[in-house]
Each structure stands twice: as structure tokens, then as C-alpha cells.
């Protein structure tokens, strides 16, 4: 998994304005993916593929409500199809700053998800804005590109 790639091939919006971690990040993504992935691997991106340079959290509560409904529908559809093991992929962190629980963590626990993978936390000062590690049986992992130095994180063997 690897999230928040913020690629900008069709517009002149260089990401290195956000610090040296973003300098030539496109080339590092390509190099790391070519080095680490095989034809048998599946790379899961957690959104944030393009850099548009605008704030997407103007309506945060509406966004949270919409995403929570979508996640519940996904869990229910998967269960109806006979699935019992779950890995959750979100773009946004499962909690807000300093929260230990949210509707997303409650849902992950209720459906006994093995892992919850998320992105959207950028810069060293933001990397620990949400949950990391195993909590109540769910393994939480941040996969933002700059956090992982643009190297995909292995989720499953």
C-alpha cells in the first residue's frame, strides 16, 4: 500500500515547495515500486493520486458521514458475499487529532477487521496524528508517501 502520491504530470505544481522530502518524489515512487513489486503483487493506493492544490476538507462532518456510510455498506456487502476477514483502506485517518476512537475504529472492531490502512498525514509533525500499531485487535498503519519515503508498505505475505 502507498497513499498520497500527489503526482502532477499535467500541471505545473511542483510538490517540492512542501519540503525536500518531496523533491523528485515521482522518480522515487517509480524506482521503489520497480524494485519492490513483482508481477504477483497488487499495489493499493489510498487516494491522493494527484496534486490539485486545494483544500478538500471544507465540509469535514459531511465527508466523515459519507465515508462512514460507505464503509458500513462495504462491510455488509462483503459479509453478504461470505467474507469473514477484512482489511480496511481509507484515505483519511480513522480518527481526528488526539482522538483514540471514532466511528471508523468502532466499525473496524465490530467487523473484526485485521488491519486499517490510511494516509493523508503529511510532514513529520503530522505523522502521529492518528492511531498506529495494534489496538483492540486491529493493526493501524499510516501509508502516506512522505511517511514511507515513497516505498510501498507490504500489507500481506
N, C-alpha and C. Protein backbone atom coordinates (compact mmCIF):
# COMPACT_ATOMS: atom_id res chain seq x y z
N UNK A 1 0.85 -1.19 0.00
CA UNK A 1 0.00 0.00 0.00
C UNK A 1 0.88 1.24 0.00
N UNK A 2 0.40 2.27 -0.65
CA UNK A 2 1.09 3.56 -0.69
C UNK A 2 0.05 4.62 -1.00
N UNK A 3 -0.01 5.66 -0.19
CA UNK A 3 -1.03 6.69 -0.39
C UNK A 3 -0.45 8.06 -0.59
N UNK A 4 -1.32 8.95 -1.02
CA UNK A 4 -0.97 10.36 -1.19
C UNK A 4 0.28 10.55 -2.05
N UNK A 5 0.18 10.10 -3.28
CA UNK A 5 1.31 10.22 -4.20
C UNK A 5 1.47 11.64 -4.72
N UNK A 6 0.38 12.38 -4.80
CA UNK A 6 0.38 13.78 -5.23
C UNK A 6 1.21 13.98 -6.50
N UNK A 7 0.84 13.26 -7.53
CA UNK A 7 1.52 13.39 -8.81
C UNK A 7 0.96 14.58 -9.58
N UNK A 8 1.80 15.26 -10.29
CA UNK A 8 1.40 16.46 -11.02
C UNK A 8 2.06 16.48 -12.39
N UNK A 9 1.59 15.60 -13.27
CA UNK A 9 2.20 15.50 -14.59
C UNK A 9 1.57 16.43 -15.61
N UNK A 10 0.33 16.85 -15.37
CA UNK A 10 -0.37 17.67 -16.35
C UNK A 10 -0.51 19.13 -15.94
N UNK A 11 0.07 19.48 -14.82
CA UNK A 11 0.03 20.87 -14.35
C UNK A 11 1.38 21.20 -13.74
N UNK A 12 1.70 22.47 -13.75
CA UNK A 12 2.97 22.90 -13.16
C UNK A 12 2.76 23.23 -11.69
N UNK A 13 2.70 22.17 -10.88
CA UNK A 13 2.52 22.32 -9.44
C UNK A 13 3.54 21.44 -8.73
N UNK A 14 4.78 21.88 -8.68
CA UNK A 14 5.82 21.05 -8.06
C UNK A 14 5.57 20.86 -6.57
N UNK A 15 5.72 19.63 -6.11
CA UNK A 15 5.49 19.30 -4.71
C UNK A 15 6.66 19.67 -3.81
N UNK A 16 7.84 19.92 -4.38
CA UNK A 16 8.99 20.22 -3.53
C UNK A 16 8.85 21.56 -2.79
N UNK A 17 7.78 22.32 -3.08
CA UNK A 17 7.52 23.52 -2.29
C UNK A 17 7.14 23.13 -0.85
N UNK A 18 6.80 21.86 -0.64
CA UNK A 18 6.43 21.36 0.69
C UNK A 18 7.61 20.74 1.43
N UNK A 19 8.80 20.88 0.90
CA UNK A 19 9.99 20.40 1.58
C UNK A 19 10.78 19.42 0.74
N UNK A 20 12.01 19.16 1.20
CA UNK A 20 12.91 18.32 0.42
C UNK A 20 12.45 16.87 0.34
N UNK A 21 11.59 16.43 1.24
CA UNK A 21 11.06 15.06 1.16
C UNK A 21 10.31 14.83 -0.15
N UNK A 22 9.80 15.92 -0.74
CA UNK A 22 9.01 15.81 -1.96
C UNK A 22 9.82 16.03 -3.23
N UNK A 23 11.10 16.33 -3.11
CA UNK A 23 11.93 16.59 -4.28
C UNK A 23 12.08 15.31 -5.10
N UNK A 24 11.71 15.38 -6.37
CA UNK A 24 11.79 14.23 -7.29
C UNK A 24 11.05 13.00 -6.76
N UNK A 25 9.97 13.21 -6.03
CA UNK A 25 9.26 12.07 -5.44
C UNK A 25 8.67 11.13 -6.49
N UNK A 26 8.30 11.67 -7.67
CA UNK A 26 7.75 10.81 -8.72
C UNK A 26 8.76 9.74 -9.14
N UNK A 27 10.01 10.18 -9.28
CA UNK A 27 11.06 9.24 -9.69
C UNK A 27 11.33 8.21 -8.59
N UNK A 28 11.25 8.64 -7.33
CA UNK A 28 11.46 7.70 -6.22
C UNK A 28 10.32 6.69 -6.13
N UNK A 29 9.09 7.13 -6.40
CA UNK A 29 7.95 6.21 -6.40
C UNK A 29 8.18 5.14 -7.47
N UNK A 30 8.53 5.58 -8.67
CA UNK A 30 8.77 4.64 -9.77
C UNK A 30 9.90 3.68 -9.44
N UNK A 31 11.02 4.20 -8.97
CA UNK A 31 12.18 3.37 -8.63
C UNK A 31 11.84 2.36 -7.54
N UNK A 32 11.20 2.82 -6.47
CA UNK A 32 10.86 1.93 -5.36
C UNK A 32 9.84 0.87 -5.76
N UNK A 33 8.85 1.25 -6.54
CA UNK A 33 7.85 0.27 -6.98
C UNK A 33 8.48 -0.77 -7.89
N UNK A 34 9.32 -0.33 -8.82
CA UNK A 34 10.00 -1.28 -9.71
C UNK A 34 10.91 -2.22 -8.93
N UNK A 35 11.54 -1.71 -7.89
CA UNK A 35 12.46 -2.51 -7.08
C UNK A 35 11.72 -3.49 -6.15
N UNK A 36 10.61 -3.05 -5.59
CA UNK A 36 9.95 -3.82 -4.53
C UNK A 36 8.81 -4.71 -4.99
N UNK A 37 8.17 -4.38 -6.11
CA UNK A 37 6.98 -5.11 -6.53
C UNK A 37 7.28 -6.11 -7.64
N UNK A 38 6.57 -7.21 -7.60
CA UNK A 38 6.65 -8.22 -8.66
C UNK A 38 5.33 -8.26 -9.40
N UNK A 39 5.27 -9.05 -10.46
CA UNK A 39 4.02 -9.20 -11.22
C UNK A 39 2.92 -9.85 -10.38
N UNK A 40 3.28 -10.53 -9.31
CA UNK A 40 2.30 -11.18 -8.44
C UNK A 40 1.76 -10.25 -7.36
N UNK A 41 2.33 -9.06 -7.22
CA UNK A 41 1.91 -8.12 -6.18
C UNK A 41 0.77 -7.24 -6.68
N UNK A 42 0.00 -6.73 -5.74
CA UNK A 42 -1.04 -5.74 -6.02
C UNK A 42 -0.71 -4.51 -5.19
N UNK A 43 -0.57 -3.37 -5.84
CA UNK A 43 -0.32 -2.12 -5.15
C UNK A 43 -1.66 -1.43 -4.91
N UNK A 44 -1.96 -1.17 -3.64
CA UNK A 44 -3.20 -0.48 -3.29
C UNK A 44 -2.85 0.96 -2.95
N UNK A 45 -3.49 1.89 -3.64
CA UNK A 45 -3.32 3.31 -3.35
C UNK A 45 -4.51 3.80 -2.53
N UNK A 46 -4.24 4.64 -1.54
CA UNK A 46 -5.31 5.13 -0.68
C UNK A 46 -5.70 6.55 -1.03
N UNK A 47 -5.86 6.81 -2.30
CA UNK A 47 -6.29 8.09 -2.82
C UNK A 47 -5.16 9.11 -2.76
N UNK A 48 -5.47 10.35 -3.10
CA UNK A 48 -4.46 11.39 -3.12
C UNK A 48 -3.46 11.18 -4.24
N UNK A 49 -3.94 10.71 -5.40
CA UNK A 49 -3.04 10.40 -6.51
C UNK A 49 -2.49 11.65 -7.18
N UNK A 50 -3.33 12.68 -7.25
CA UNK A 50 -2.95 13.90 -7.96
C UNK A 50 -2.88 15.06 -6.98
N UNK A 51 -2.07 16.03 -7.34
CA UNK A 51 -1.97 17.24 -6.53
C UNK A 51 -2.78 18.33 -7.21
N UNK A 52 -3.85 18.75 -6.57
CA UNK A 52 -4.70 19.79 -7.13
C UNK A 52 -4.49 21.13 -6.45
N UNK A 53 -3.85 21.12 -5.29
CA UNK A 53 -3.55 22.36 -4.61
C UNK A 53 -4.75 23.03 -3.97
N UNK A 54 -5.80 22.29 -3.65
CA UNK A 54 -6.94 22.91 -2.97
C UNK A 54 -7.34 22.06 -1.77
N UNK A 55 -7.94 22.69 -0.81
CA UNK A 55 -8.36 22.01 0.42
C UNK A 55 -9.59 21.18 0.14
N UNK A 56 -9.54 19.91 0.49
CA UNK A 56 -10.68 19.03 0.24
C UNK A 56 -11.48 18.75 1.51
N UNK A 57 -11.18 19.44 2.62
CA UNK A 57 -11.89 19.15 3.87
C UNK A 57 -12.74 20.35 4.29
N UNK A 58 -13.36 21.03 3.34
CA UNK A 58 -14.18 22.19 3.69
C UNK A 58 -15.44 21.76 4.42
N UNK A 59 -15.93 20.60 4.11
CA UNK A 59 -17.17 20.10 4.72
C UNK A 59 -16.86 18.81 5.46
N UNK A 60 -16.04 18.92 6.51
CA UNK A 60 -15.49 17.74 7.19
C UNK A 60 -16.56 16.81 7.74
N UNK A 61 -17.54 17.33 8.41
CA UNK A 61 -18.56 16.47 9.01
C UNK A 61 -19.35 15.70 7.94
N UNK A 62 -19.69 16.39 6.86
CA UNK A 62 -20.40 15.74 5.76
C UNK A 62 -19.52 14.65 5.14
N UNK A 63 -18.25 14.93 5.01
CA UNK A 63 -17.30 13.96 4.46
C UNK A 63 -17.20 12.73 5.36
N UNK A 64 -17.07 12.94 6.66
CA UNK A 64 -16.98 11.82 7.61
C UNK A 64 -18.25 10.97 7.55
N UNK A 65 -19.39 11.62 7.55
CA UNK A 65 -20.67 10.90 7.50
C UNK A 65 -20.77 10.06 6.22
N UNK A 66 -20.43 10.66 5.09
CA UNK A 66 -20.48 9.94 3.81
C UNK A 66 -19.55 8.73 3.80
N UNK A 67 -18.31 8.93 4.27
CA UNK A 67 -17.34 7.84 4.26
C UNK A 67 -17.72 6.73 5.25
N UNK A 68 -18.29 7.09 6.38
CA UNK A 68 -18.73 6.08 7.35
C UNK A 68 -19.86 5.22 6.76
N UNK A 69 -20.78 5.85 6.06
CA UNK A 69 -21.87 5.10 5.40
C UNK A 69 -21.31 4.17 4.34
N UNK A 70 -20.36 4.66 3.56
CA UNK A 70 -19.75 3.83 2.51
C UNK A 70 -19.02 2.63 3.11
N UNK A 71 -18.32 2.86 4.21
CA UNK A 71 -17.59 1.76 4.84
C UNK A 71 -18.55 0.71 5.37
N UNK A 72 -19.63 1.13 6.00
CA UNK A 72 -20.62 0.18 6.52
C UNK A 72 -21.23 -0.64 5.38
N UNK A 73 -21.58 0.02 4.29
CA UNK A 73 -22.13 -0.67 3.12
C UNK A 73 -21.12 -1.68 2.59
N UNK A 74 -19.85 -1.31 2.56
CA UNK A 74 -18.80 -2.22 2.08
C UNK A 74 -18.66 -3.43 2.98
N UNK A 75 -18.64 -3.20 4.28
CA UNK A 75 -18.57 -4.33 5.23
C UNK A 75 -19.77 -5.26 5.04
N UNK A 76 -20.96 -4.70 4.97
CA UNK A 76 -22.18 -5.50 4.86
C UNK A 76 -22.21 -6.29 3.54
N UNK A 77 -21.79 -5.66 2.45
CA UNK A 77 -21.76 -6.35 1.16
C UNK A 77 -20.75 -7.49 1.18
N UNK A 78 -19.59 -7.25 1.77
CA UNK A 78 -18.57 -8.30 1.87
C UNK A 78 -19.06 -9.46 2.72
N UNK A 79 -19.68 -9.15 3.84
CA UNK A 79 -20.25 -10.22 4.70
C UNK A 79 -21.31 -11.00 3.95
N UNK A 80 -22.18 -10.31 3.23
CA UNK A 80 -23.25 -10.97 2.47
C UNK A 80 -22.68 -11.92 1.42
N UNK A 81 -21.49 -11.59 0.91
CA UNK A 81 -20.82 -12.44 -0.08
C UNK A 81 -19.98 -13.54 0.57
N UNK A 82 -20.04 -13.63 1.91
CA UNK A 82 -19.36 -14.71 2.61
C UNK A 82 -17.97 -14.41 3.13
N UNK A 83 -17.51 -13.17 3.00
CA UNK A 83 -16.19 -12.83 3.50
C UNK A 83 -16.22 -12.66 5.02
N UNK A 84 -15.13 -13.09 5.65
CA UNK A 84 -15.04 -13.00 7.11
C UNK A 84 -13.79 -12.26 7.58
N UNK A 85 -12.82 -12.07 6.70
CA UNK A 85 -11.59 -11.35 7.05
C UNK A 85 -11.56 -10.04 6.26
N UNK A 86 -11.16 -8.98 6.96
CA UNK A 86 -11.23 -7.66 6.34
C UNK A 86 -9.95 -6.86 6.55
N UNK A 87 -9.56 -6.13 5.50
CA UNK A 87 -8.54 -5.09 5.57
C UNK A 87 -9.23 -3.83 5.07
N UNK A 88 -9.19 -2.80 5.87
CA UNK A 88 -9.86 -1.54 5.53
C UNK A 88 -8.82 -0.57 4.98
N UNK A 89 -9.13 0.05 3.85
CA UNK A 89 -8.28 1.08 3.26
C UNK A 89 -9.06 2.39 3.25
N UNK A 90 -8.52 3.40 3.91
CA UNK A 90 -9.11 4.73 3.94
C UNK A 90 -8.09 5.74 3.43
N UNK A 91 -8.58 6.83 2.88
CA UNK A 91 -7.65 7.91 2.54
C UNK A 91 -7.33 8.72 3.79
N UNK A 92 -8.36 9.11 4.50
CA UNK A 92 -8.17 9.92 5.70
C UNK A 92 -7.88 9.05 6.91
N UNK A 93 -7.25 9.61 7.93
CA UNK A 93 -7.02 8.85 9.16
C UNK A 93 -8.35 8.42 9.79
N UNK A 94 -8.35 7.33 10.54
CA UNK A 94 -9.59 6.86 11.15
C UNK A 94 -10.05 7.71 12.32
N UNK A 95 -9.18 8.57 12.86
CA UNK A 95 -9.56 9.45 13.96
C UNK A 95 -9.09 10.86 13.67
N UNK A 96 -9.70 11.80 14.35
CA UNK A 96 -9.23 13.18 14.31
C UNK A 96 -8.08 13.33 15.29
N UNK A 97 -7.43 14.45 15.23
CA UNK A 97 -6.31 14.73 16.10
C UNK A 97 -6.66 14.45 17.56
N UNK A 98 -5.83 13.69 18.24
CA UNK A 98 -5.93 13.34 19.65
C UNK A 98 -7.07 12.39 20.01
N UNK A 99 -7.88 12.00 19.06
CA UNK A 99 -8.94 11.03 19.36
C UNK A 99 -8.35 9.64 19.45
N UNK A 100 -8.90 8.83 20.31
CA UNK A 100 -8.49 7.44 20.41
C UNK A 100 -9.53 6.52 19.77
N UNK A 101 -10.73 7.02 19.58
CA UNK A 101 -11.83 6.25 18.99
C UNK A 101 -12.61 7.14 18.03
N UNK A 102 -13.27 6.49 17.07
CA UNK A 102 -14.15 7.21 16.14
C UNK A 102 -15.13 6.19 15.58
N UNK A 103 -16.04 6.64 14.78
CA UNK A 103 -16.99 5.69 14.16
C UNK A 103 -16.24 4.69 13.27
N UNK A 104 -15.08 5.09 12.73
CA UNK A 104 -14.31 4.18 11.89
C UNK A 104 -13.62 3.09 12.72
N UNK A 105 -13.08 3.47 13.88
CA UNK A 105 -12.44 2.47 14.74
C UNK A 105 -13.48 1.52 15.33
N UNK A 106 -14.63 2.06 15.72
CA UNK A 106 -15.70 1.21 16.25
C UNK A 106 -16.15 0.20 15.19
N UNK A 107 -16.28 0.66 13.95
CA UNK A 107 -16.70 -0.23 12.86
C UNK A 107 -15.64 -1.29 12.58
N UNK A 108 -14.38 -0.87 12.54
CA UNK A 108 -13.29 -1.83 12.29
C UNK A 108 -13.29 -2.92 13.37
N UNK A 109 -13.51 -2.53 14.61
CA UNK A 109 -13.55 -3.52 15.69
C UNK A 109 -14.81 -4.39 15.60
N UNK A 110 -15.95 -3.78 15.33
CA UNK A 110 -17.21 -4.53 15.26
C UNK A 110 -17.18 -5.59 14.16
N UNK A 111 -16.55 -5.27 13.03
CA UNK A 111 -16.47 -6.23 11.92
C UNK A 111 -15.20 -7.06 11.99
N UNK A 112 -14.45 -6.90 13.07
CA UNK A 112 -13.22 -7.65 13.32
C UNK A 112 -12.22 -7.55 12.17
N UNK A 113 -12.02 -6.32 11.72
CA UNK A 113 -11.02 -6.09 10.67
C UNK A 113 -9.63 -6.44 11.20
N UNK A 114 -8.82 -7.03 10.35
CA UNK A 114 -7.44 -7.34 10.72
C UNK A 114 -6.57 -6.09 10.71
N UNK A 115 -6.77 -5.25 9.68
CA UNK A 115 -5.94 -4.06 9.53
C UNK A 115 -6.79 -2.89 9.04
N UNK A 116 -6.34 -1.69 9.38
CA UNK A 116 -6.91 -0.47 8.84
C UNK A 116 -5.74 0.38 8.35
N UNK A 117 -5.70 0.60 7.06
CA UNK A 117 -4.61 1.29 6.38
C UNK A 117 -5.12 2.66 5.95
N UNK A 118 -4.36 3.72 6.24
CA UNK A 118 -4.82 5.07 5.90
C UNK A 118 -3.63 5.95 5.51
N UNK A 119 -3.97 7.13 4.99
CA UNK A 119 -2.94 8.09 4.57
C UNK A 119 -3.33 9.49 5.05
N UNK A 120 -2.96 10.48 4.31
CA UNK A 120 -3.34 11.88 4.47
C UNK A 120 -2.59 12.64 5.57
N UNK A 121 -1.78 12.00 6.36
CA UNK A 121 -0.96 12.71 7.35
C UNK A 121 0.40 12.99 6.71
N UNK A 122 0.74 14.27 6.59
CA UNK A 122 1.98 14.68 5.92
C UNK A 122 2.89 15.48 6.82
N UNK A 123 4.18 15.30 6.64
CA UNK A 123 5.16 16.04 7.42
C UNK A 123 5.36 15.40 8.79
N UNK A 124 6.60 15.39 9.24
CA UNK A 124 6.93 14.71 10.50
C UNK A 124 6.04 15.14 11.66
N UNK A 125 5.64 16.39 11.68
CA UNK A 125 4.80 16.87 12.78
C UNK A 125 3.38 16.33 12.72
N UNK A 126 2.97 15.72 11.61
CA UNK A 126 1.60 15.20 11.45
C UNK A 126 1.55 13.67 11.40
N UNK A 127 2.70 13.02 11.33
CA UNK A 127 2.70 11.56 11.14
C UNK A 127 2.00 10.81 12.26
N UNK A 128 1.95 11.35 13.45
CA UNK A 128 1.34 10.63 14.57
C UNK A 128 0.01 11.26 14.99
N UNK A 129 -0.70 11.84 14.03
CA UNK A 129 -1.99 12.46 14.33
C UNK A 129 -3.10 11.45 14.56
N UNK A 130 -2.88 10.20 14.21
CA UNK A 130 -3.92 9.20 14.39
C UNK A 130 -3.28 7.92 14.95
N UNK A 131 -4.05 6.87 14.95
CA UNK A 131 -3.62 5.62 15.56
C UNK A 131 -2.57 4.90 14.73
N UNK A 132 -1.62 4.26 15.44
CA UNK A 132 -0.62 3.42 14.79
C UNK A 132 -0.38 2.22 15.70
N UNK A 133 -0.12 1.08 15.08
CA UNK A 133 0.10 -0.14 15.86
C UNK A 133 -1.21 -0.90 16.06
N UNK A 134 -1.14 -1.98 16.81
CA UNK A 134 -2.32 -2.83 17.03
C UNK A 134 -3.07 -2.36 18.27
N UNK A 135 -4.35 -2.08 18.06
CA UNK A 135 -5.23 -1.61 19.13
C UNK A 135 -6.53 -2.39 19.05
N UNK A 136 -6.89 -3.06 20.13
CA UNK A 136 -8.12 -3.86 20.19
C UNK A 136 -8.23 -4.82 19.01
N UNK A 137 -7.12 -5.42 18.64
CA UNK A 137 -7.11 -6.43 17.60
C UNK A 137 -7.00 -5.92 16.17
N UNK A 138 -7.00 -4.62 15.97
CA UNK A 138 -6.89 -4.03 14.63
C UNK A 138 -5.52 -3.38 14.51
N UNK A 139 -4.79 -3.72 13.45
CA UNK A 139 -3.49 -3.12 13.18
C UNK A 139 -3.69 -1.87 12.32
N UNK A 140 -3.30 -0.70 12.86
CA UNK A 140 -3.43 0.58 12.16
C UNK A 140 -2.09 0.97 11.55
N UNK A 141 -2.10 1.32 10.24
CA UNK A 141 -0.86 1.67 9.54
C UNK A 141 -1.05 2.92 8.70
N UNK A 142 -0.12 3.85 8.84
CA UNK A 142 -0.07 5.04 8.00
C UNK A 142 0.77 4.73 6.78
N UNK A 143 0.23 5.01 5.58
CA UNK A 143 0.97 4.73 4.34
C UNK A 143 1.14 5.97 3.46
N UNK A 144 1.09 7.16 4.06
CA UNK A 144 1.33 8.39 3.28
C UNK A 144 2.70 8.29 2.62
N UNK A 145 2.77 8.72 1.37
CA UNK A 145 4.01 8.61 0.61
C UNK A 145 5.22 9.18 1.32
N UNK A 146 5.10 10.40 1.85
CA UNK A 146 6.26 11.00 2.50
C UNK A 146 6.60 10.29 3.81
N UNK A 147 5.63 9.71 4.50
CA UNK A 147 5.92 8.95 5.72
C UNK A 147 6.75 7.70 5.40
N UNK A 148 6.41 7.04 4.30
CA UNK A 148 7.11 5.81 3.90
C UNK A 148 8.29 6.09 2.99
N UNK A 149 8.65 7.35 2.83
CA UNK A 149 9.71 7.74 1.91
C UNK A 149 9.46 7.17 0.51
N UNK A 150 8.17 7.13 0.16
CA UNK A 150 7.70 6.70 -1.16
C UNK A 150 8.05 5.25 -1.48
N UNK A 151 8.12 4.41 -0.45
CA UNK A 151 8.33 2.97 -0.61
C UNK A 151 7.05 2.27 -0.19
N UNK A 152 6.44 1.47 -1.05
CA UNK A 152 5.20 0.78 -0.65
C UNK A 152 5.43 -0.06 0.60
N UNK A 153 4.38 -0.12 1.42
CA UNK A 153 4.42 -0.95 2.62
C UNK A 153 3.73 -2.27 2.35
N UNK A 154 4.38 -3.37 2.68
CA UNK A 154 3.80 -4.69 2.49
C UNK A 154 2.69 -4.90 3.52
N UNK A 155 1.54 -5.30 3.06
CA UNK A 155 0.38 -5.49 3.93
C UNK A 155 0.17 -6.97 4.24
N UNK A 156 0.30 -7.79 3.24
CA UNK A 156 0.13 -9.23 3.39
C UNK A 156 1.25 -9.99 2.70
N UNK A 157 1.55 -11.19 3.19
CA UNK A 157 2.50 -12.07 2.50
C UNK A 157 1.79 -12.84 1.41
